[in-house]
Amino acid sequence: MAETAEAGTQQVDGRRAARAERAAARLAKRIGAFAKAHGGAEGQVAYLGQMGARIVLVGEDGGWGDLVAPSYAVAESAVRKAGITLHESFDGEFAAKVRTGPYEWSRMAGIQIGGPSDKA
């Protein structure tokens, strides 16, 4: 009976590992597409708690974006598979590469600096 329970646990663990591997591959594909569209990319992974991890991407042209992975391990695996540079923190020269436009300024601080409000 213990052998049956152990086999069931191994099967569940195998499914979780396969699911995580597929998620990492999908994310790596999206990271690669971002990097190709922006002349290369660098990234940083931030822990989001139970929700998972956020992968922040910054392109060589200053474009930026982010993806959410189901776990920190999946996010790190995706970044490794994509082959981009991974930074420990989002600061310094890495953060200085980000180029924001009018849309970002109006959405992030629009109310404070006189941009459009969210009134419907």
N, C-alpha and C. Protein backbone atom coordinates (compact mmCIF):
# COMPACT_ATOMS: atom_id res chain seq x y z
N MET A 1 0.83 -1.19 0.00
CA MET A 1 0.00 0.00 0.00
C MET A 1 0.88 1.26 0.00
N ALA A 2 1.98 1.23 0.75
CA ALA A 2 2.89 2.37 0.78
C ALA A 2 3.51 2.58 -0.58
N GLU A 3 3.75 1.46 -1.30
CA GLU A 3 4.33 1.57 -2.64
C GLU A 3 3.37 2.28 -3.60
N THR A 4 2.09 2.00 -3.46
CA THR A 4 1.08 2.63 -4.32
C THR A 4 1.02 4.13 -4.06
N ALA A 5 1.05 4.52 -2.79
CA ALA A 5 1.02 5.94 -2.44
C ALA A 5 2.28 6.64 -2.96
N GLU A 6 3.42 5.97 -2.85
CA GLU A 6 4.68 6.56 -3.32
C GLU A 6 4.65 6.72 -4.85
N ALA A 7 4.12 5.74 -5.54
CA ALA A 7 4.03 5.81 -7.00
C ALA A 7 3.10 6.94 -7.42
N GLY A 8 2.00 7.11 -6.69
CA GLY A 8 1.06 8.20 -6.98
C GLY A 8 1.69 9.56 -6.76
N THR A 9 2.49 9.68 -5.70
CA THR A 9 3.17 10.94 -5.42
C THR A 9 4.19 11.25 -6.50
N GLN A 10 4.92 10.24 -6.95
CA GLN A 10 5.90 10.44 -8.02
C GLN A 10 5.22 10.86 -9.31
N GLN A 11 4.05 10.28 -9.58
CA GLN A 11 3.31 10.62 -10.80
C GLN A 11 2.85 12.08 -10.75
N VAL A 12 2.35 12.52 -9.59
CA VAL A 12 1.90 13.90 -9.42
C VAL A 12 3.09 14.85 -9.55
N ASP A 13 4.21 14.50 -8.92
CA ASP A 13 5.41 15.33 -9.02
C ASP A 13 5.89 15.42 -10.46
N GLY A 14 5.82 14.32 -11.18
CA GLY A 14 6.21 14.30 -12.59
C GLY A 14 5.33 15.21 -13.43
N ARG A 15 4.04 15.21 -13.15
CA ARG A 15 3.10 16.08 -13.87
C ARG A 15 3.39 17.54 -13.58
N ARG A 16 3.65 17.86 -12.31
CA ARG A 16 3.97 19.24 -11.93
C ARG A 16 5.25 19.70 -12.63
N ALA A 17 6.25 18.84 -12.66
CA ALA A 17 7.51 19.19 -13.30
C ALA A 17 7.30 19.41 -14.80
N ALA A 18 6.50 18.56 -15.42
CA ALA A 18 6.23 18.71 -16.85
C ALA A 18 5.45 20.00 -17.13
N ARG A 19 4.50 20.31 -16.27
CA ARG A 19 3.72 21.54 -16.42
C ARG A 19 4.63 22.77 -16.26
N ALA A 20 5.52 22.73 -15.28
CA ALA A 20 6.45 23.84 -15.06
C ALA A 20 7.39 24.00 -16.26
N GLU A 21 7.84 22.88 -16.81
CA GLU A 21 8.73 22.92 -17.97
C GLU A 21 8.02 23.53 -19.18
N ARG A 22 6.76 23.16 -19.39
CA ARG A 22 5.99 23.74 -20.51
C ARG A 22 5.77 25.23 -20.30
N ALA A 23 5.47 25.63 -19.07
CA ALA A 23 5.28 27.06 -18.78
C ALA A 23 6.56 27.84 -19.04
N ALA A 24 7.70 27.29 -18.62
CA ALA A 24 8.99 27.96 -18.83
C ALA A 24 9.28 28.07 -20.33
N ALA A 25 8.96 27.03 -21.09
CA ALA A 25 9.20 27.06 -22.54
C ALA A 25 8.34 28.13 -23.21
N ARG A 26 7.07 28.23 -22.81
CA ARG A 26 6.18 29.26 -23.38
C ARG A 26 6.69 30.66 -23.05
N LEU A 27 7.08 30.86 -21.80
CA LEU A 27 7.60 32.17 -21.40
C LEU A 27 8.90 32.49 -22.13
N ALA A 28 9.77 31.49 -22.28
CA ALA A 28 11.05 31.71 -22.99
C ALA A 28 10.79 32.12 -24.43
N LYS A 29 9.78 31.53 -25.04
CA LYS A 29 9.42 31.89 -26.41
C LYS A 29 8.99 33.35 -26.49
N ARG A 30 8.19 33.79 -25.54
CA ARG A 30 7.73 35.18 -25.50
C ARG A 30 8.89 36.14 -25.20
N ILE A 31 9.78 35.73 -24.30
CA ILE A 31 10.96 36.56 -23.99
C ILE A 31 11.83 36.70 -25.23
N GLY A 32 12.03 35.59 -25.94
CA GLY A 32 12.82 35.62 -27.17
C GLY A 32 12.20 36.52 -28.23
N ALA A 33 10.88 36.48 -28.35
CA ALA A 33 10.20 37.35 -29.32
C ALA A 33 10.37 38.82 -28.93
N PHE A 34 10.29 39.11 -27.63
CA PHE A 34 10.50 40.48 -27.16
C PHE A 34 11.92 40.93 -27.49
N ALA A 35 12.89 40.08 -27.19
CA ALA A 35 14.29 40.41 -27.43
C ALA A 35 14.53 40.66 -28.93
N LYS A 36 13.95 39.84 -29.77
CA LYS A 36 14.11 40.00 -31.22
C LYS A 36 13.51 41.31 -31.69
N ALA A 37 12.36 41.67 -31.16
CA ALA A 37 11.67 42.90 -31.57
C ALA A 37 12.38 44.16 -31.06
N HIS A 38 13.18 44.04 -30.01
CA HIS A 38 13.81 45.21 -29.39
C HIS A 38 15.33 45.20 -29.48
N GLY A 39 15.88 44.40 -30.39
CA GLY A 39 17.33 44.40 -30.59
C GLY A 39 18.11 43.78 -29.44
N GLY A 40 17.50 42.88 -28.72
CA GLY A 40 18.12 42.26 -27.55
C GLY A 40 17.36 42.68 -26.30
N ALA A 41 17.61 41.99 -25.21
CA ALA A 41 16.90 42.31 -23.98
C ALA A 41 17.69 41.85 -22.77
N GLU A 42 17.36 42.45 -21.64
CA GLU A 42 17.87 42.05 -20.33
C GLU A 42 16.66 41.93 -19.43
N GLY A 43 16.79 41.22 -18.33
CA GLY A 43 15.65 41.03 -17.46
C GLY A 43 15.99 40.99 -15.99
N GLN A 44 14.94 41.03 -15.19
CA GLN A 44 15.04 40.93 -13.74
C GLN A 44 13.82 40.18 -13.26
N VAL A 45 13.98 39.27 -12.31
CA VAL A 45 12.87 38.48 -11.78
C VAL A 45 12.56 38.97 -10.37
N ALA A 46 11.29 39.26 -10.12
CA ALA A 46 10.85 39.72 -8.79
C ALA A 46 9.80 38.77 -8.25
N TYR A 47 9.95 38.35 -7.02
CA TYR A 47 9.01 37.45 -6.35
C TYR A 47 7.71 38.19 -6.06
N LEU A 48 6.58 37.59 -6.41
CA LEU A 48 5.27 38.20 -6.16
C LEU A 48 4.47 37.50 -5.07
N GLY A 49 5.06 36.59 -4.36
CA GLY A 49 4.34 35.85 -3.34
C GLY A 49 3.66 34.64 -3.95
N GLN A 50 2.48 34.28 -3.46
CA GLN A 50 1.77 33.12 -3.96
C GLN A 50 1.42 33.24 -5.44
N MET A 51 1.33 34.45 -5.93
CA MET A 51 0.97 34.68 -7.32
C MET A 51 2.07 34.20 -8.28
N GLY A 52 3.31 34.16 -7.83
CA GLY A 52 4.40 33.72 -8.69
C GLY A 52 5.54 34.71 -8.72
N ALA A 53 6.02 35.02 -9.93
CA ALA A 53 7.15 35.92 -10.09
C ALA A 53 6.94 36.76 -11.35
N ARG A 54 7.43 37.97 -11.29
CA ARG A 54 7.33 38.90 -12.41
C ARG A 54 8.68 38.99 -13.11
N ILE A 55 8.65 38.83 -14.43
CA ILE A 55 9.86 38.97 -15.23
C ILE A 55 9.76 40.32 -15.92
N VAL A 56 10.64 41.25 -15.54
CA VAL A 56 10.67 42.57 -16.17
C VAL A 56 11.71 42.51 -17.28
N LEU A 57 11.30 42.92 -18.48
CA LEU A 57 12.19 42.89 -19.64
C LEU A 57 12.46 44.31 -20.11
N VAL A 58 13.71 44.59 -20.44
CA VAL A 58 14.09 45.88 -21.00
C VAL A 58 14.88 45.61 -22.27
N GLY A 59 14.37 46.14 -23.39
CA GLY A 59 15.03 45.95 -24.67
C GLY A 59 16.18 46.91 -24.86
N GLU A 60 17.05 46.60 -25.79
CA GLU A 60 18.19 47.47 -26.09
C GLU A 60 17.74 48.83 -26.60
N ASP A 61 16.53 48.90 -27.15
CA ASP A 61 16.00 50.17 -27.65
C ASP A 61 15.26 50.96 -26.58
N GLY A 62 15.22 50.46 -25.35
CA GLY A 62 14.56 51.14 -24.24
C GLY A 62 13.12 50.69 -24.03
N GLY A 63 12.59 49.89 -24.95
CA GLY A 63 11.24 49.36 -24.76
C GLY A 63 11.23 48.40 -23.58
N TRP A 64 10.10 48.30 -22.93
CA TRP A 64 10.04 47.43 -21.76
C TRP A 64 8.70 46.72 -21.70
N GLY A 65 8.67 45.66 -20.93
CA GLY A 65 7.46 44.88 -20.74
C GLY A 65 7.66 43.93 -19.58
N ASP A 66 6.63 43.20 -19.26
CA ASP A 66 6.77 42.23 -18.19
C ASP A 66 5.88 41.02 -18.44
N LEU A 67 6.23 39.94 -17.79
CA LEU A 67 5.48 38.69 -17.84
C LEU A 67 5.36 38.17 -16.42
N VAL A 68 4.32 37.40 -16.15
CA VAL A 68 4.17 36.79 -14.83
C VAL A 68 4.28 35.28 -14.99
N ALA A 69 5.15 34.68 -14.20
CA ALA A 69 5.36 33.23 -14.19
C ALA A 69 4.68 32.65 -12.96
N PRO A 70 4.29 31.39 -13.01
CA PRO A 70 3.60 30.78 -11.85
C PRO A 70 4.49 30.59 -10.63
N SER A 71 5.82 30.63 -10.81
CA SER A 71 6.73 30.51 -9.67
C SER A 71 8.06 31.17 -10.02
N TYR A 72 8.85 31.45 -9.01
CA TYR A 72 10.16 32.04 -9.21
C TYR A 72 11.06 31.10 -10.01
N ALA A 73 10.98 29.81 -9.69
CA ALA A 73 11.81 28.81 -10.39
C ALA A 73 11.47 28.76 -11.87
N VAL A 74 10.19 28.82 -12.21
CA VAL A 74 9.77 28.80 -13.61
C VAL A 74 10.27 30.06 -14.31
N ALA A 75 10.19 31.20 -13.63
CA ALA A 75 10.66 32.46 -14.22
C ALA A 75 12.16 32.39 -14.50
N GLU A 76 12.93 31.91 -13.55
CA GLU A 76 14.38 31.79 -13.76
C GLU A 76 14.70 30.82 -14.89
N SER A 77 13.98 29.73 -14.96
CA SER A 77 14.19 28.75 -16.02
C SER A 77 13.88 29.36 -17.38
N ALA A 78 12.81 30.13 -17.47
CA ALA A 78 12.42 30.77 -18.73
C ALA A 78 13.49 31.76 -19.18
N VAL A 79 14.02 32.53 -18.27
CA VAL A 79 15.06 33.51 -18.60
C VAL A 79 16.32 32.79 -19.08
N ARG A 80 16.68 31.70 -18.40
CA ARG A 80 17.85 30.92 -18.82
C ARG A 80 17.65 30.35 -20.22
N LYS A 81 16.46 29.79 -20.48
CA LYS A 81 16.16 29.22 -21.79
C LYS A 81 16.22 30.28 -22.89
N ALA A 82 15.76 31.49 -22.57
CA ALA A 82 15.74 32.57 -23.56
C ALA A 82 17.15 33.12 -23.81
N GLY A 83 18.05 32.92 -22.86
CA GLY A 83 19.43 33.34 -23.03
C GLY A 83 19.68 34.83 -22.88
N ILE A 84 18.84 35.52 -22.11
CA ILE A 84 19.07 36.95 -21.88
C ILE A 84 19.84 37.16 -20.58
N THR A 85 20.41 38.33 -20.42
CA THR A 85 21.13 38.68 -19.20
C THR A 85 20.12 38.89 -18.07
N LEU A 86 20.38 38.32 -16.93
CA LEU A 86 19.49 38.45 -15.77
C LEU A 86 20.17 39.31 -14.72
N HIS A 87 19.48 40.36 -14.26
CA HIS A 87 19.99 41.25 -13.23
C HIS A 87 19.37 40.90 -11.88
N GLU A 88 20.11 41.13 -10.82
CA GLU A 88 19.63 40.87 -9.47
C GLU A 88 18.58 41.87 -9.03
N SER A 89 18.73 43.13 -9.46
CA SER A 89 17.78 44.17 -9.05
C SER A 89 17.51 45.11 -10.21
N PHE A 90 16.45 45.86 -10.08
CA PHE A 90 16.05 46.80 -11.13
C PHE A 90 16.51 48.19 -10.74
N ASP A 91 17.80 48.45 -10.94
CA ASP A 91 18.35 49.75 -10.59
C ASP A 91 19.57 50.05 -11.45
N GLY A 92 20.17 51.20 -11.23
CA GLY A 92 21.40 51.57 -11.92
C GLY A 92 21.25 51.66 -13.43
N GLU A 93 22.27 51.19 -14.13
CA GLU A 93 22.29 51.27 -15.59
C GLU A 93 21.15 50.50 -16.22
N PHE A 94 20.77 49.38 -15.60
CA PHE A 94 19.66 48.58 -16.14
C PHE A 94 18.37 49.38 -16.16
N ALA A 95 18.02 50.00 -15.05
CA ALA A 95 16.79 50.80 -14.97
C ALA A 95 16.87 52.04 -15.88
N ALA A 96 18.07 52.58 -16.04
CA ALA A 96 18.24 53.77 -16.87
C ALA A 96 17.98 53.50 -18.34
N LYS A 97 18.01 52.24 -18.76
CA LYS A 97 17.73 51.90 -20.16
C LYS A 97 16.26 52.06 -20.53
N VAL A 98 15.37 52.04 -19.55
CA VAL A 98 13.93 52.11 -19.81
C VAL A 98 13.57 53.48 -20.38
N ARG A 99 12.84 53.47 -21.48
CA ARG A 99 12.35 54.71 -22.10
C ARG A 99 10.83 54.70 -22.00
N THR A 100 10.31 55.71 -21.33
CA THR A 100 8.86 55.83 -21.19
C THR A 100 8.36 56.93 -22.10
N GLY A 101 7.14 56.77 -22.54
CA GLY A 101 6.52 57.75 -23.42
C GLY A 101 5.36 58.44 -22.74
N PRO A 102 4.63 59.23 -23.50
CA PRO A 102 3.49 59.97 -22.94
C PRO A 102 2.44 59.06 -22.31
N TYR A 103 2.21 57.90 -22.91
CA TYR A 103 1.21 56.99 -22.35
C TYR A 103 1.57 56.57 -20.94
N GLU A 104 2.82 56.14 -20.75
CA GLU A 104 3.24 55.69 -19.42
C GLU A 104 3.17 56.82 -18.40
N TRP A 105 3.60 58.02 -18.80
CA TRP A 105 3.56 59.15 -17.87
C TRP A 105 2.13 59.49 -17.49
N SER A 106 1.22 59.44 -18.44
CA SER A 106 -0.17 59.78 -18.11
C SER A 106 -0.81 58.71 -17.24
N ARG A 107 -0.43 57.45 -17.43
CA ARG A 107 -1.01 56.37 -16.64
C ARG A 107 -0.40 56.28 -15.24
N MET A 108 0.92 56.52 -15.14
CA MET A 108 1.59 56.36 -13.85
C MET A 108 1.40 57.57 -12.94
N ALA A 109 1.40 58.76 -13.52
CA ALA A 109 1.34 59.96 -12.69
C ALA A 109 0.43 61.01 -13.31
N GLY A 110 -0.47 60.59 -14.15
CA GLY A 110 -1.32 61.52 -14.87
C GLY A 110 -2.11 62.47 -14.00
N ILE A 111 -2.67 61.97 -12.93
CA ILE A 111 -3.49 62.82 -12.06
C ILE A 111 -2.63 63.87 -11.38
N GLN A 112 -1.42 63.49 -10.95
CA GLN A 112 -0.55 64.40 -10.24
C GLN A 112 0.03 65.50 -11.15
N ILE A 113 0.30 65.16 -12.42
CA ILE A 113 0.92 66.16 -13.30
C ILE A 113 -0.03 66.70 -14.36
N GLY A 114 -1.32 66.49 -14.17
CA GLY A 114 -2.30 67.06 -15.07
C GLY A 114 -2.64 66.23 -16.28
N GLY A 115 -2.30 64.96 -16.26
CA GLY A 115 -2.63 64.08 -17.37
C GLY A 115 -4.09 63.65 -17.31
N PRO A 116 -4.48 62.81 -18.25
CA PRO A 116 -5.88 62.35 -18.26
C PRO A 116 -6.21 61.54 -17.02
N SER A 117 -7.42 61.65 -16.58
CA SER A 117 -7.85 60.87 -15.42
C SER A 117 -8.55 59.61 -15.90
N ASP A 118 -8.92 58.76 -14.98
CA ASP A 118 -9.61 57.52 -15.30
C ASP A 118 -11.13 57.68 -15.27
N LYS A 119 -11.63 58.88 -15.41
CA LYS A 119 -13.08 59.08 -15.37
C LYS A 119 -13.72 58.44 -16.59
N ALA A 120 -14.80 57.75 -16.34
CA ALA A 120 -15.49 57.05 -17.43
C ALA A 120 -16.47 57.95 -18.13
